[in-house]
Amino acid sequence: MKTITTFLLSLCILSASAQDDYEFSTFTAFYIPVLDGTSLTGGQIWDDPDFTLQLPFEFVYFGDTISALFGDSEFLGGILRTEIQNDGTTHALIAN
């Protein structure tokens, strides 16, 4: 039974690490506080705010080109959404 369990566990670990072309890098630096930052919510309480975050770059997400993210009170504050597409759908980005 141990052999079967070990084999199945090994198979799960190998299949879970099947992602290719992933690069991770990190660095160490002193903390520098943000001075004169810009409020994304315009003074709203940070609980389900409405705001637009215009990005200085574009990226493709589920086949759509994204240039802005939206905080929407209908999406519970912790979820960002993309622009509403021609078919009326939007994509959600959830920070874990």
Foldseek 3Di string as FASTA:
>chain_A
DVVVVVVVVVVVVVVVPPDPDDDDDDDDDDDDDDDPDDDQQNPDDQWQGWGKAAAPDWDADPRDIFGIWIRGSVVGNQKIWTDQDPVRDIDIDGDD
